[in-house]
């Protein structure tokens, strides 16, 4: 059950990050969007490697 709470917390953070990324793209902040994408990839890779 605790795993589900951790996963939902991760999903909430991911959702907010994706909304922020969409906003950056909408505002044509391409460098910021690229940095945000790199961070999402890095965080996801770390999460996979931790398991």
PDB file of N, CA and C in Angstrom:
ATOM      1  N   UNK A   1       0.826  -1.198   0.000  1.00  0.00           N
ATOM      2  CA  UNK A   1       0.000   0.000   0.000  1.00  0.00           C
ATOM      3  C   UNK A   1       0.869   1.261   0.000  1.00  0.00           C
ATOM      4  N   UNK A   2       1.975   1.217   0.744  1.00  0.00           N
ATOM      5  CA  UNK A   2       2.884   2.366   0.782  1.00  0.00           C
ATOM      6  C   UNK A   2       3.501   2.618  -0.590  1.00  0.00           C
ATOM      7  N   UNK A   3       3.759   1.522  -1.326  1.00  0.00           N
ATOM      8  CA  UNK A   3       4.303   1.671  -2.681  1.00  0.00           C
ATOM      9  C   UNK A   3       3.355   2.473  -3.565  1.00  0.00           C
ATOM     10  N   UNK A   4       2.065   2.268  -3.388  1.00  0.00           N
ATOM     11  CA  UNK A   4       1.072   2.993  -4.188  1.00  0.00           C
ATOM     12  C   UNK A   4       1.124   4.481  -3.867  1.00  0.00           C
ATOM     13  N   UNK A   5       1.297   4.842  -2.596  1.00  0.00           N
ATOM     14  CA  UNK A   5       1.401   6.253  -2.210  1.00  0.00           C
ATOM     15  C   UNK A   5       2.628   6.900  -2.829  1.00  0.00           C
ATOM     16  N   UNK A   6       3.730   6.180  -2.812  1.00  0.00           N
ATOM     17  CA  UNK A   6       4.969   6.693  -3.403  1.00  0.00           C
ATOM     18  C   UNK A   6       4.783   6.884  -4.904  1.00  0.00           C
ATOM     19  N   UNK A   7       4.158   5.904  -5.541  1.00  0.00           N
ATOM     20  CA  UNK A   7       3.941   5.984  -6.983  1.00  0.00           C
ATOM     21  C   UNK A   7       3.020   7.143  -7.339  1.00  0.00           C
ATOM     22  N   UNK A   8       1.946   7.327  -6.583  1.00  0.00           N
ATOM     23  CA  UNK A   8       1.027   8.446  -6.843  1.00  0.00           C
ATOM     24  C   UNK A   8       1.725   9.781  -6.641  1.00  0.00           C
ATOM     25  N   UNK A   9       2.580   9.853  -5.647  1.00  0.00           N
ATOM     26  CA  UNK A   9       3.339  11.075  -5.413  1.00  0.00           C
ATOM     27  C   UNK A   9       4.239  11.369  -6.617  1.00  0.00           C
ATOM     28  N   UNK A  10       4.886  10.330  -7.120  1.00  0.00           N
ATOM     29  CA  UNK A  10       5.723  10.470  -8.310  1.00  0.00           C
ATOM     30  C   UNK A  10       4.891  10.950  -9.497  1.00  0.00           C
ATOM     31  N   UNK A  11       3.710  10.369  -9.672  1.00  0.00           N
ATOM     32  CA  UNK A  11       2.854  10.752 -10.793  1.00  0.00           C
ATOM     33  C   UNK A  11       2.390  12.200 -10.687  1.00  0.00           C
ATOM     34  N   UNK A  12       2.100  12.651  -9.478  1.00  0.00           N
ATOM     35  CA  UNK A  12       1.697  14.057  -9.297  1.00  0.00           C
ATOM     36  C   UNK A  12       2.830  14.989  -9.704  1.00  0.00           C
ATOM     37  N   UNK A  13       4.049  14.652  -9.287  1.00  0.00           N
ATOM     38  CA  UNK A  13       5.209  15.470  -9.641  1.00  0.00           C
ATOM     39  C   UNK A  13       5.446  15.431 -11.150  1.00  0.00           C
ATOM     40  N   UNK A  14       5.327  14.252 -11.741  1.00  0.00           N
ATOM     41  CA  UNK A  14       5.501  14.118 -13.184  1.00  0.00           C
ATOM     42  C   UNK A  14       4.464  14.949 -13.936  1.00  0.00           C
ATOM     43  N   UNK A  15       3.221  14.885 -13.494  1.00  0.00           N
ATOM     44  CA  UNK A  15       2.158  15.664 -14.131  1.00  0.00           C
ATOM     45  C   UNK A  15       2.480  17.155 -14.087  1.00  0.00           C
ATOM     46  N   UNK A  16       2.920  17.646 -12.953  1.00  0.00           N
ATOM     47  CA  UNK A  16       3.259  19.065 -12.845  1.00  0.00           C
ATOM     48  C   UNK A  16       4.442  19.414 -13.744  1.00  0.00           C
ATOM     49  N   UNK A  17       5.438  18.540 -13.785  1.00  0.00           N
ATOM     50  CA  UNK A  17       6.591  18.775 -14.663  1.00  0.00           C
ATOM     51  C   UNK A  17       6.156  18.826 -16.119  1.00  0.00           C
ATOM     52  N   UNK A  18       5.253  17.938 -16.521  1.00  0.00           N
ATOM     53  CA  UNK A  18       4.779  17.931 -17.904  1.00  0.00           C
ATOM     54  C   UNK A  18       3.969  19.185 -18.229  1.00  0.00           C
ATOM     55  N   UNK A  19       3.174  19.642 -17.280  1.00  0.00           N
ATOM     56  CA  UNK A  19       2.429  20.891 -17.487  1.00  0.00           C
ATOM     57  C   UNK A  19       3.391  22.069 -17.646  1.00  0.00           C
ATOM     58  N   UNK A  20       4.437  22.092 -16.820  1.00  0.00           N
ATOM     59  CA  UNK A  20       5.441  23.158 -16.917  1.00  0.00           C
ATOM     60  C   UNK A  20       6.177  23.091 -18.255  1.00  0.00           C
ATOM     61  N   UNK A  21       6.482  21.888 -18.694  1.00  0.00           N
ATOM     62  CA  UNK A  21       7.149  21.698 -19.984  1.00  0.00           C
ATOM     63  C   UNK A  21       6.250  22.193 -21.123  1.00  0.00           C
ATOM     64  N   UNK A  22       4.991  21.849 -21.066  1.00  0.00           N
ATOM     65  CA  UNK A  22       4.043  22.302 -22.094  1.00  0.00           C
ATOM     66  C   UNK A  22       3.977  23.831 -22.128  1.00  0.00           C
ATOM     67  N   UNK A  23       3.955  24.443 -20.967  1.00  0.00           N
ATOM     68  CA  UNK A  23       3.918  25.907 -20.881  1.00  0.00           C
ATOM     69  C   UNK A  23       5.182  26.530 -21.480  1.00  0.00           C
ATOM     70  N   UNK A  24       6.328  25.932 -21.175  1.00  0.00           N
ATOM     71  CA  UNK A  24       7.585  26.439 -21.736  1.00  0.00           C
ATOM     72  C   UNK A  24       7.564  26.352 -23.256  1.00  0.00           C
ATOM     73  N   UNK A  25       7.056  25.261 -23.788  1.00  0.00           N
ATOM     74  CA  UNK A  25       6.967  25.121 -25.246  1.00  0.00           C
ATOM     75  C   UNK A  25       5.983  26.125 -25.837  1.00  0.00           C
ATOM     76  N   UNK A  26       4.870  26.305 -25.164  1.00  0.00           N
ATOM     77  CA  UNK A  26       3.865  27.274 -25.623  1.00  0.00           C
ATOM     78  C   UNK A  26       4.461  28.675 -25.706  1.00  0.00           C
ATOM     79  N   UNK A  27       5.331  28.986 -24.735  1.00  0.00           N
ATOM     80  CA  UNK A  27       5.969  30.304 -24.690  1.00  0.00           C
ATOM     81  C   UNK A  27       7.256  30.377 -25.515  1.00  0.00           C
ATOM     82  N   UNK A  28       7.514  29.320 -26.282  1.00  0.00           N
ATOM     83  CA  UNK A  28       8.699  29.244 -27.154  1.00  0.00           C
ATOM     84  C   UNK A  28      10.001  29.387 -26.375  1.00  0.00           C
ATOM     85  N   UNK A  29      10.001  28.877 -25.154  1.00  0.00           N
ATOM     86  CA  UNK A  29      11.209  28.854 -24.317  1.00  0.00           C
ATOM     87  C   UNK A  29      11.901  27.511 -24.552  1.00  0.00           C
ATOM     88  N   UNK A  30      12.488  27.377 -25.721  1.00  0.00           N
ATOM     89  CA  UNK A  30      12.996  26.081 -26.159  1.00  0.00           C
ATOM     90  C   UNK A  30      14.191  25.603 -25.340  1.00  0.00           C
ATOM     91  N   UNK A  31      15.062  26.494 -24.941  1.00  0.00           N
ATOM     92  CA  UNK A  31      16.210  26.093 -24.123  1.00  0.00           C
ATOM     93  C   UNK A  31      15.730  25.570 -22.768  1.00  0.00           C
ATOM     94  N   UNK A  32      14.797  26.273 -22.169  1.00  0.00           N
ATOM     95  CA  UNK A  32      14.227  25.831 -20.895  1.00  0.00           C
ATOM     96  C   UNK A  32      13.536  24.481 -21.064  1.00  0.00           C
ATOM     97  N   UNK A  33      12.774  24.321 -22.131  1.00  0.00           N
ATOM     98  CA  UNK A  33      12.069  23.066 -22.392  1.00  0.00           C
ATOM     99  C   UNK A  33      13.062  21.917 -22.578  1.00  0.00           C
ATOM    100  N   UNK A  34      14.151  22.191 -23.255  1.00  0.00           N
ATOM    101  CA  UNK A  34      15.174  21.169 -23.457  1.00  0.00           C
ATOM    102  C   UNK A  34      15.796  20.752 -22.124  1.00  0.00           C
ATOM    103  N   UNK A  35      16.091  21.730 -21.275  1.00  0.00           N
ATOM    104  CA  UNK A  35      16.659  21.431 -19.959  1.00  0.00           C
ATOM    105  C   UNK A  35      15.669  20.634 -19.109  1.00  0.00           C
ATOM    106  N   UNK A  36      14.399  21.003 -19.178  1.00  0.00           N
ATOM    107  CA  UNK A  36      13.375  20.293 -18.423  1.00  0.00           C
ATOM    108  C   UNK A  36      13.260  18.847 -18.908  1.00  0.00           C
ATOM    109  N   UNK A  37      13.316  18.653 -20.224  1.00  0.00           N
ATOM    110  CA  UNK A  37      13.242  17.306 -20.788  1.00  0.00           C
ATOM    111  C   UNK A  37      14.437  16.475 -20.334  1.00  0.00           C
ATOM    112  N   UNK A  38      15.624  17.064 -20.369  1.00  0.00           N
ATOM    113  CA  UNK A  38      16.814  16.356 -19.900  1.00  0.00           C
ATOM    114  C   UNK A  38      16.662  15.926 -18.448  1.00  0.00           C
ATOM    115  N   UNK A  39      16.100  16.801 -17.610  1.00  0.00           N
ATOM    116  CA  UNK A  39      15.902  16.480 -16.193  1.00  0.00           C
ATOM    117  C   UNK A  39      14.892  15.354 -16.027  1.00  0.00           C
ATOM    118  N   UNK A  40      13.812  15.383 -16.788  1.00  0.00           N
ATOM    119  CA  UNK A  40      12.824  14.308 -16.724  1.00  0.00           C
ATOM    120  C   UNK A  40      13.445  12.969 -17.122  1.00  0.00           C
ATOM    121  N   UNK A  41      14.250  12.979 -18.169  1.00  0.00           N
ATOM    122  CA  UNK A  41      14.915  11.755 -18.617  1.00  0.00           C
ATOM    123  C   UNK A  41      15.867  11.254 -17.538  1.00  0.00           C
ATOM    124  N   UNK A  42      16.658  12.156 -16.984  1.00  0.00           N
ATOM    125  CA  UNK A  42      17.628  11.788 -15.941  1.00  0.00           C
ATOM    126  C   UNK A  42      16.917  11.208 -14.710  1.00  0.00           C
ATOM    127  N   UNK A  43      15.865  11.870 -14.255  1.00  0.00           N
ATOM    128  CA  UNK A  43      15.122  11.395 -13.082  1.00  0.00           C
ATOM    129  C   UNK A  43      14.497  10.031 -13.343  1.00  0.00           C
ATOM    130  N   UNK A  44      13.966   9.831 -14.548  1.00  0.00           N
ATOM    131  CA  UNK A  44      13.354   8.559 -14.887  1.00  0.00           C
ATOM    132  C   UNK A  44      14.402   7.453 -14.937  1.00  0.00           C
ATOM    133  N   UNK A  45      15.547   7.764 -15.519  1.00  0.00           N
ATOM    134  CA  UNK A  45      16.628   6.771 -15.599  1.00  0.00           C
ATOM    135  C   UNK A  45      17.085   6.366 -14.204  1.00  0.00           C
ATOM    136  N   UNK A  46      17.228   7.340 -13.309  1.00  0.00           N
ATOM    137  CA  UNK A  46      17.625   7.035 -11.928  1.00  0.00           C
ATOM    138  C   UNK A  46      16.599   6.154 -11.249  1.00  0.00           C
ATOM    139  N   UNK A  47      15.318   6.449 -11.475  1.00  0.00           N
ATOM    140  CA  UNK A  47      14.246   5.658 -10.882  1.00  0.00           C
ATOM    141  C   UNK A  47      14.273   4.217 -11.359  1.00  0.00           C
ATOM    142  N   UNK A  48      14.581   4.016 -12.627  1.00  0.00           N
ATOM    143  CA  UNK A  48      14.669   2.664 -13.174  1.00  0.00           C
ATOM    144  C   UNK A  48      15.853   1.928 -12.576  1.00  0.00           C
ATOM    145  N   UNK A  49      16.983   2.608 -12.457  1.00  0.00           N
ATOM    146  CA  UNK A  49      18.196   1.979 -11.958  1.00  0.00           C
ATOM    147  C   UNK A  49      18.117   1.663 -10.465  1.00  0.00           C
ATOM    148  N   UNK A  50      17.285   2.403  -9.716  1.00  0.00           N
ATOM    149  CA  UNK A  50      17.137   2.158  -8.284  1.00  0.00           C
ATOM    150  C   UNK A  50      16.407   0.852  -8.004  1.00  0.00           C
ATOM    151  N   UNK A  51      15.662   0.343  -8.976  1.00  0.00           N
ATOM    152  CA  UNK A  51      14.851  -0.868  -8.746  1.00  0.00           C
ATOM    153  C   UNK A  51      15.564  -2.104  -9.147  1.00  0.00           C
TER     154      UNK A  51
END
